[in-house]
Amino acid sequence: MTTKVEITKESVIGDVIKTVPGAEDVIRKYFGTGCFTCPGINMESISFGAAMHNVDPEKVISEIKELIEKES
């Protein structure tokens, strides 16, 4: 049985990458590779990253939620 993960705009990018298989690819797609060398990844939210990269956070969240659905 897998634990249900709730992804929101306030979810920390680093936590999402650690808990959702494939989320790293979604983050890379929308935010680029810079996130993976930035220490902010462990405290910045999807909402913050989206604002920094001029991306709709709902697009990022919906793609990550799709990954979760495929897992279950």
PDB file of N, CA and C in Angstrom:
ATOM      1  N   MET A   1       0.843  -1.196   0.000  1.00  0.00           N
ATOM      2  CA  MET A   1       0.000   0.000   0.000  1.00  0.00           C
ATOM      3  C   MET A   1       0.879   1.247   0.000  1.00  0.00           C
ATOM      4  N   THR A   2       0.615   2.156  -0.929  1.00  0.00           N
ATOM      5  CA  THR A   2       1.411   3.375  -1.012  1.00  0.00           C
ATOM      6  C   THR A   2       0.718   4.499  -0.266  1.00  0.00           C
ATOM      7  N   THR A   3       1.516   5.408   0.246  1.00  0.00           N
ATOM      8  CA  THR A   3       0.983   6.559   0.955  1.00  0.00           C
ATOM      9  C   THR A   3       0.537   7.589  -0.054  1.00  0.00           C
ATOM     10  N   LYS A   4      -0.628   8.157   0.153  1.00  0.00           N
ATOM     11  CA  LYS A   4      -1.144   9.182  -0.750  1.00  0.00           C
ATOM     12  C   LYS A   4      -0.413  10.490  -0.472  1.00  0.00           C
ATOM     13  N   VAL A   5       0.187  11.049  -1.491  1.00  0.00           N
ATOM     14  CA  VAL A   5       0.928  12.291  -1.364  1.00  0.00           C
ATOM     15  C   VAL A   5       0.063  13.416  -1.910  1.00  0.00           C
ATOM     16  N   GLU A   6      -0.082  14.467  -1.135  1.00  0.00           N
ATOM     17  CA  GLU A   6      -0.857  15.629  -1.590  1.00  0.00           C
ATOM     18  C   GLU A   6       0.113  16.681  -2.104  1.00  0.00           C
ATOM     19  N   ILE A   7      -0.024  17.031  -3.377  1.00  0.00           N
ATOM     20  CA  ILE A   7       0.840  18.040  -3.987  1.00  0.00           C
ATOM     21  C   ILE A   7       0.040  19.326  -4.144  1.00  0.00           C
ATOM     22  N   THR A   8       0.579  20.409  -3.600  1.00  0.00           N
ATOM     23  CA  THR A   8      -0.067  21.722  -3.712  1.00  0.00           C
ATOM     24  C   THR A   8       0.969  22.741  -4.162  1.00  0.00           C
ATOM     25  N   LYS A   9       0.512  23.965  -4.363  1.00  0.00           N
ATOM     26  CA  LYS A   9       1.436  25.042  -4.747  1.00  0.00           C
ATOM     27  C   LYS A   9       2.474  25.288  -3.657  1.00  0.00           C
ATOM     28  N   GLU A  10       2.133  24.939  -2.424  1.00  0.00           N
ATOM     29  CA  GLU A  10       3.051  25.177  -1.300  1.00  0.00           C
ATOM     30  C   GLU A  10       4.006  24.015  -1.043  1.00  0.00           C
ATOM     31  N   SER A  11       3.851  22.925  -1.792  1.00  0.00           N
ATOM     32  CA  SER A  11       4.757  21.781  -1.620  1.00  0.00           C
ATOM     33  C   SER A  11       6.185  22.205  -1.952  1.00  0.00           C
ATOM     34  N   VAL A  12       7.128  21.760  -1.147  1.00  0.00           N
ATOM     35  CA  VAL A  12       8.541  22.086  -1.361  1.00  0.00           C
ATOM     36  C   VAL A  12       9.068  21.222  -2.512  1.00  0.00           C
ATOM     37  N   ILE A  13       9.723  21.874  -3.457  1.00  0.00           N
ATOM     38  CA  ILE A  13      10.204  21.200  -4.667  1.00  0.00           C
ATOM     39  C   ILE A  13      11.046  19.970  -4.328  1.00  0.00           C
ATOM     40  N   GLY A  14      12.005  20.114  -3.413  1.00  0.00           N
ATOM     41  CA  GLY A  14      12.878  18.998  -3.051  1.00  0.00           C
ATOM     42  C   GLY A  14      12.109  17.815  -2.487  1.00  0.00           C
ATOM     43  N   ASP A  15      11.080  18.094  -1.667  1.00  0.00           N
ATOM     44  CA  ASP A  15      10.262  17.019  -1.089  1.00  0.00           C
ATOM     45  C   ASP A  15       9.485  16.286  -2.175  1.00  0.00           C
ATOM     46  N   VAL A  16       8.957  17.043  -3.125  1.00  0.00           N
ATOM     47  CA  VAL A  16       8.181  16.443  -4.213  1.00  0.00           C
ATOM     48  C   VAL A  16       9.074  15.519  -5.036  1.00  0.00           C
ATOM     49  N   ILE A  17      10.275  15.979  -5.345  1.00  0.00           N
ATOM     50  CA  ILE A  17      11.213  15.170  -6.130  1.00  0.00           C
ATOM     51  C   ILE A  17      11.552  13.870  -5.395  1.00  0.00           C
ATOM     52  N   LYS A  18      11.706  13.954  -4.076  1.00  0.00           N
ATOM     53  CA  LYS A  18      12.062  12.764  -3.289  1.00  0.00           C
ATOM     54  C   LYS A  18      10.904  11.777  -3.177  1.00  0.00           C
ATOM     55  N   THR A  19       9.668  12.266  -3.166  1.00  0.00           N
ATOM     56  CA  THR A  19       8.537  11.384  -2.891  1.00  0.00           C
ATOM     57  C   THR A  19       7.760  10.922  -4.118  1.00  0.00           C
ATOM     58  N   VAL A  20       7.890  11.630  -5.234  1.00  0.00           N
ATOM     59  CA  VAL A  20       7.115  11.259  -6.421  1.00  0.00           C
ATOM     60  C   VAL A  20       8.055  10.828  -7.551  1.00  0.00           C
ATOM     61  N   PRO A  21       8.049   9.539  -7.889  1.00  0.00           N
ATOM     62  CA  PRO A  21       8.894   9.075  -8.994  1.00  0.00           C
ATOM     63  C   PRO A  21       8.520   9.797 -10.293  1.00  0.00           C
ATOM     64  N   GLY A  22       9.519  10.350 -10.976  1.00  0.00           N
ATOM     65  CA  GLY A  22       9.281  11.044 -12.231  1.00  0.00           C
ATOM     66  C   GLY A  22       9.084  12.546 -12.082  1.00  0.00           C
ATOM     67  N   ALA A  23       8.891  13.015 -10.853  1.00  0.00           N
ATOM     68  CA  ALA A  23       8.659  14.451 -10.637  1.00  0.00           C
ATOM     69  C   ALA A  23       9.876  15.284 -11.049  1.00  0.00           C
ATOM     70  N   GLU A  24      11.048  14.701 -10.924  1.00  0.00           N
ATOM     71  CA  GLU A  24      12.269  15.414 -11.303  1.00  0.00           C
ATOM     72  C   GLU A  24      12.198  15.846 -12.773  1.00  0.00           C
ATOM     73  N   ASP A  25      11.668  14.975 -13.626  1.00  0.00           N
ATOM     74  CA  ASP A  25      11.548  15.306 -15.051  1.00  0.00           C
ATOM     75  C   ASP A  25      10.574  16.455 -15.281  1.00  0.00           C
ATOM     76  N   VAL A  26       9.490  16.493 -14.507  1.00  0.00           N
ATOM     77  CA  VAL A  26       8.509  17.570 -14.641  1.00  0.00           C
ATOM     78  C   VAL A  26       9.136  18.902 -14.202  1.00  0.00           C
ATOM     79  N   ILE A  27       9.856  18.874 -13.082  1.00  0.00           N
ATOM     80  CA  ILE A  27      10.521  20.087 -12.592  1.00  0.00           C
ATOM     81  C   ILE A  27      11.541  20.571 -13.621  1.00  0.00           C
ATOM     82  N   ARG A  28      12.311  19.654 -14.176  1.00  0.00           N
ATOM     83  CA  ARG A  28      13.315  20.011 -15.191  1.00  0.00           C
ATOM     84  C   ARG A  28      12.638  20.625 -16.419  1.00  0.00           C
ATOM     85  N   LYS A  29      11.506  20.066 -16.821  1.00  0.00           N
ATOM     86  CA  LYS A  29      10.779  20.547 -18.003  1.00  0.00           C
ATOM     87  C   LYS A  29      10.359  22.004 -17.852  1.00  0.00           C
ATOM     88  N   TYR A  30       9.826  22.349 -16.683  1.00  0.00           N
ATOM     89  CA  TYR A  30       9.299  23.696 -16.479  1.00  0.00           C
ATOM     90  C   TYR A  30      10.302  24.687 -15.890  1.00  0.00           C
ATOM     91  N   PHE A  31      11.198  24.193 -15.038  1.00  0.00           N
ATOM     92  CA  PHE A  31      12.102  25.102 -14.320  1.00  0.00           C
ATOM     93  C   PHE A  31      13.553  25.013 -14.786  1.00  0.00           C
ATOM     94  N   GLY A  32      13.877  24.053 -15.646  1.00  0.00           N
ATOM     95  CA  GLY A  32      15.253  23.905 -16.108  1.00  0.00           C
ATOM     96  C   GLY A  32      16.086  23.094 -15.129  1.00  0.00           C
ATOM     97  N   THR A  33      17.368  23.020 -15.386  1.00  0.00           N
ATOM     98  CA  THR A  33      18.253  22.191 -14.556  1.00  0.00           C
ATOM     99  C   THR A  33      18.828  22.949 -13.369  1.00  0.00           C
ATOM    100  N   GLY A  34      18.702  24.251 -13.342  1.00  0.00           N
ATOM    101  CA  GLY A  34      19.265  25.055 -12.256  1.00  0.00           C
ATOM    102  C   GLY A  34      18.751  24.675 -10.889  1.00  0.00           C
ATOM    103  N   CYS A  35      17.523  24.195 -10.809  1.00  0.00           N
ATOM    104  CA  CYS A  35      16.930  23.804  -9.514  1.00  0.00           C
ATOM    105  C   CYS A  35      17.779  22.761  -8.805  1.00  0.00           C
ATOM    106  N   PHE A  36      18.398  21.893  -9.557  1.00  0.00           N
ATOM    107  CA  PHE A  36      19.079  20.752  -8.964  1.00  0.00           C
ATOM    108  C   PHE A  36      20.426  21.105  -8.347  1.00  0.00           C
ATOM    109  N   THR A  37      20.930  22.300  -8.630  1.00  0.00           N
ATOM    110  CA  THR A  37      22.170  22.751  -8.005  1.00  0.00           C
ATOM    111  C   THR A  37      21.908  23.888  -7.023  1.00  0.00           C
ATOM    112  N   CYS A  38      20.669  24.318  -6.910  1.00  0.00           N
ATOM    113  CA  CYS A  38      20.305  25.433  -6.033  1.00  0.00           C
ATOM    114  C   CYS A  38      19.916  24.905  -4.658  1.00  0.00           C
ATOM    115  N   PRO A  39      20.504  25.451  -3.589  1.00  0.00           N
ATOM    116  CA  PRO A  39      20.126  24.988  -2.248  1.00  0.00           C
ATOM    117  C   PRO A  39      18.671  25.314  -1.899  1.00  0.00           C
ATOM    118  N   GLY A  40      18.071  26.257  -2.594  1.00  0.00           N
ATOM    119  CA  GLY A  40      16.682  26.637  -2.344  1.00  0.00           C
ATOM    120  C   GLY A  40      15.686  25.526  -2.629  1.00  0.00           C
ATOM    121  N   ILE A  41      16.114  24.515  -3.371  1.00  0.00           N
ATOM    122  CA  ILE A  41      15.217  23.405  -3.720  1.00  0.00           C
ATOM    123  C   ILE A  41      14.627  22.742  -2.472  1.00  0.00           C
ATOM    124  N   ASN A  42      15.334  22.833  -1.356  1.00  0.00           N
ATOM    125  CA  ASN A  42      14.878  22.195  -0.123  1.00  0.00           C
ATOM    126  C   ASN A  42      13.974  23.082   0.724  1.00  0.00           C
ATOM    127  N   MET A  43      13.705  24.308   0.272  1.00  0.00           N
ATOM    128  CA  MET A  43      12.811  25.173   1.037  1.00  0.00           C
ATOM    129  C   MET A  43      11.833  25.958   0.166  1.00  0.00           C
ATOM    130  N   GLU A  44      12.049  25.987  -1.131  1.00  0.00           N
ATOM    131  CA  GLU A  44      11.180  26.762  -2.016  1.00  0.00           C
ATOM    132  C   GLU A  44      10.025  25.905  -2.531  1.00  0.00           C
ATOM    133  N   SER A  45       8.871  26.550  -2.629  1.00  0.00           N
ATOM    134  CA  SER A  45       7.660  25.847  -3.050  1.00  0.00           C
ATOM    135  C   SER A  45       7.539  25.810  -4.569  1.00  0.00           C
ATOM    136  N   ILE A  46       6.643  24.963  -5.030  1.00  0.00           N
ATOM    137  CA  ILE A  46       6.333  24.921  -6.461  1.00  0.00           C
ATOM    138  C   ILE A  46       5.845  26.290  -6.916  1.00  0.00           C
ATOM    139  N   SER A  47       5.045  26.929  -6.089  1.00  0.00           N
ATOM    140  CA  SER A  47       4.532  28.261  -6.400  1.00  0.00           C
ATOM    141  C   SER A  47       5.672  29.258  -6.616  1.00  0.00           C
ATOM    142  N   PHE A  48       6.674  29.229  -5.733  1.00  0.00           N
ATOM    143  CA  PHE A  48       7.816  30.131  -5.839  1.00  0.00           C
ATOM    144  C   PHE A  48       8.610  29.833  -7.112  1.00  0.00           C
ATOM    145  N   GLY A  49       8.883  28.567  -7.352  1.00  0.00           N
ATOM    146  CA  GLY A  49       9.625  28.182  -8.554  1.00  0.00           C
ATOM    147  C   GLY A  49       8.895  28.606  -9.813  1.00  0.00           C
ATOM    148  N   ALA A  50       7.587  28.435  -9.810  1.00  0.00           N
ATOM    149  CA  ALA A  50       6.782  28.815 -10.972  1.00  0.00           C
ATOM    150  C   ALA A  50       6.859  30.320 -11.207  1.00  0.00           C
ATOM    151  N   ALA A  51       6.802  31.100 -10.134  1.00  0.00           N
ATOM    152  CA  ALA A  51       6.901  32.558 -10.264  1.00  0.00           C
ATOM    153  C   ALA A  51       8.275  32.956 -10.811  1.00  0.00           C
ATOM    154  N   MET A  52       9.314  32.290 -10.340  1.00  0.00           N
ATOM    155  CA  MET A  52      10.679  32.601 -10.782  1.00  0.00           C
ATOM    156  C   MET A  52      10.895  32.260 -12.260  1.00  0.00           C
ATOM    157  N   HIS A  53      10.155  31.281 -12.753  1.00  0.00           N
ATOM    158  CA  HIS A  53      10.341  30.821 -14.132  1.00  0.00           C
ATOM    159  C   HIS A  53       9.173  31.188 -15.037  1.00  0.00           C
ATOM    160  N   ASN A  54       8.283  32.039 -14.535  1.00  0.00           N
ATOM    161  CA  ASN A  54       7.146  32.531 -15.319  1.00  0.00           C
ATOM    162  C   ASN A  54       6.303  31.384 -15.899  1.00  0.00           C
ATOM    163  N   VAL A  55       5.957  30.450 -15.016  1.00  0.00           N
ATOM    164  CA  VAL A  55       5.185  29.265 -15.391  1.00  0.00           C
ATOM    165  C   VAL A  55       3.933  29.218 -14.521  1.00  0.00           C
ATOM    166  N   ASP A  56       2.846  28.714 -15.062  1.00  0.00           N
ATOM    167  CA  ASP A  56       1.628  28.519 -14.287  1.00  0.00           C
ATOM    168  C   ASP A  56       1.852  27.343 -13.332  1.00  0.00           C
ATOM    169  N   PRO A  57       1.812  27.565 -12.019  1.00  0.00           N
ATOM    170  CA  PRO A  57       2.064  26.468 -11.086  1.00  0.00           C
ATOM    171  C   PRO A  57       1.061  25.319 -11.237  1.00  0.00           C
ATOM    172  N   GLU A  58      -0.148  25.623 -11.683  1.00  0.00           N
ATOM    173  CA  GLU A  58      -1.155  24.577 -11.845  1.00  0.00           C
ATOM    174  C   GLU A  58      -0.753  23.554 -12.916  1.00  0.00           C
ATOM    175  N   LYS A  59      -0.011  23.997 -13.942  1.00  0.00           N
ATOM    176  CA  LYS A  59       0.478  23.063 -14.973  1.00  0.00           C
ATOM    177  C   LYS A  59       1.453  22.068 -14.361  1.00  0.00           C
ATOM    178  N   VAL A  60       2.354  22.594 -13.554  1.00  0.00           N
ATOM    179  CA  VAL A  60       3.359  21.748 -12.914  1.00  0.00           C
ATOM    180  C   VAL A  60       2.670  20.754 -11.978  1.00  0.00           C
ATOM    181  N   ILE A  61       1.763  21.254 -11.153  1.00  0.00           N
ATOM    182  CA  ILE A  61       1.056  20.412 -10.190  1.00  0.00           C
ATOM    183  C   ILE A  61       0.243  19.333 -10.895  1.00  0.00           C
ATOM    184  N   SER A  62      -0.449  19.707 -11.953  1.00  0.00           N
ATOM    185  CA  SER A  62      -1.293  18.716 -12.630  1.00  0.00           C
ATOM    186  C   SER A  62      -0.448  17.599 -13.243  1.00  0.00           C
ATOM    187  N   GLU A  63       0.714  17.932 -13.788  1.00  0.00           N
ATOM    188  CA  GLU A  63       1.572  16.877 -14.352  1.00  0.00           C
ATOM    189  C   GLU A  63       2.116  15.955 -13.265  1.00  0.00           C
ATOM    190  N   ILE A  64       2.456  16.524 -12.125  1.00  0.00           N
ATOM    191  CA  ILE A  64       2.957  15.701 -11.021  1.00  0.00           C
ATOM    192  C   ILE A  64       1.829  14.817 -10.480  1.00  0.00           C
ATOM    193  N   LYS A  65       0.634  15.357 -10.402  1.00  0.00           N
ATOM    194  CA  LYS A  65      -0.515  14.559  -9.942  1.00  0.00           C
ATOM    195  C   LYS A  65      -0.802  13.409 -10.906  1.00  0.00           C
ATOM    196  N   GLU A  66      -0.601  13.642 -12.199  1.00  0.00           N
ATOM    197  CA  GLU A  66      -0.761  12.562 -13.184  1.00  0.00           C
ATOM    198  C   GLU A  66       0.207  11.414 -12.899  1.00  0.00           C
ATOM    199  N   LEU A  67       1.431  11.771 -12.517  1.00  0.00           N
ATOM    200  CA  LEU A  67       2.430  10.742 -12.173  1.00  0.00           C
ATOM    201  C   LEU A  67       1.963   9.919 -10.974  1.00  0.00           C
ATOM    202  N   ILE A  68       1.394  10.610  -9.987  1.00  0.00           N
ATOM    203  CA  ILE A  68       0.904   9.929  -8.786  1.00  0.00           C
ATOM    204  C   ILE A  68      -0.233   8.979  -9.144  1.00  0.00           C
ATOM    205  N   GLU A  69      -1.120   9.438 -10.014  1.00  0.00           N
ATOM    206  CA  GLU A  69      -2.254   8.594 -10.433  1.00  0.00           C
ATOM    207  C   GLU A  69      -1.759   7.321 -11.132  1.00  0.00           C
ATOM    208  N   LYS A  70      -0.737   7.455 -11.963  1.00  0.00           N
ATOM    209  CA  LYS A  70      -0.189   6.294 -12.684  1.00  0.00           C
ATOM    210  C   LYS A  70       0.418   5.288 -11.702  1.00  0.00           C
ATOM    211  N   GLU A  71       0.981   5.806 -10.608  1.00  0.00           N
ATOM    212  CA  GLU A  71       1.606   4.952  -9.593  1.00  0.00           C
ATOM    213  C   GLU A  71       0.598   4.094  -8.872  1.00  0.00           C
ATOM    214  N   SER A  72      -0.608   4.653  -8.642  1.00  0.00           N
ATOM    215  CA  SER A  72      -1.578   3.931  -7.793  1.00  0.00           C
ATOM    216  C   SER A  72      -2.440   2.964  -8.562  1.00  0.00           C
TER     217      SER A  72
END
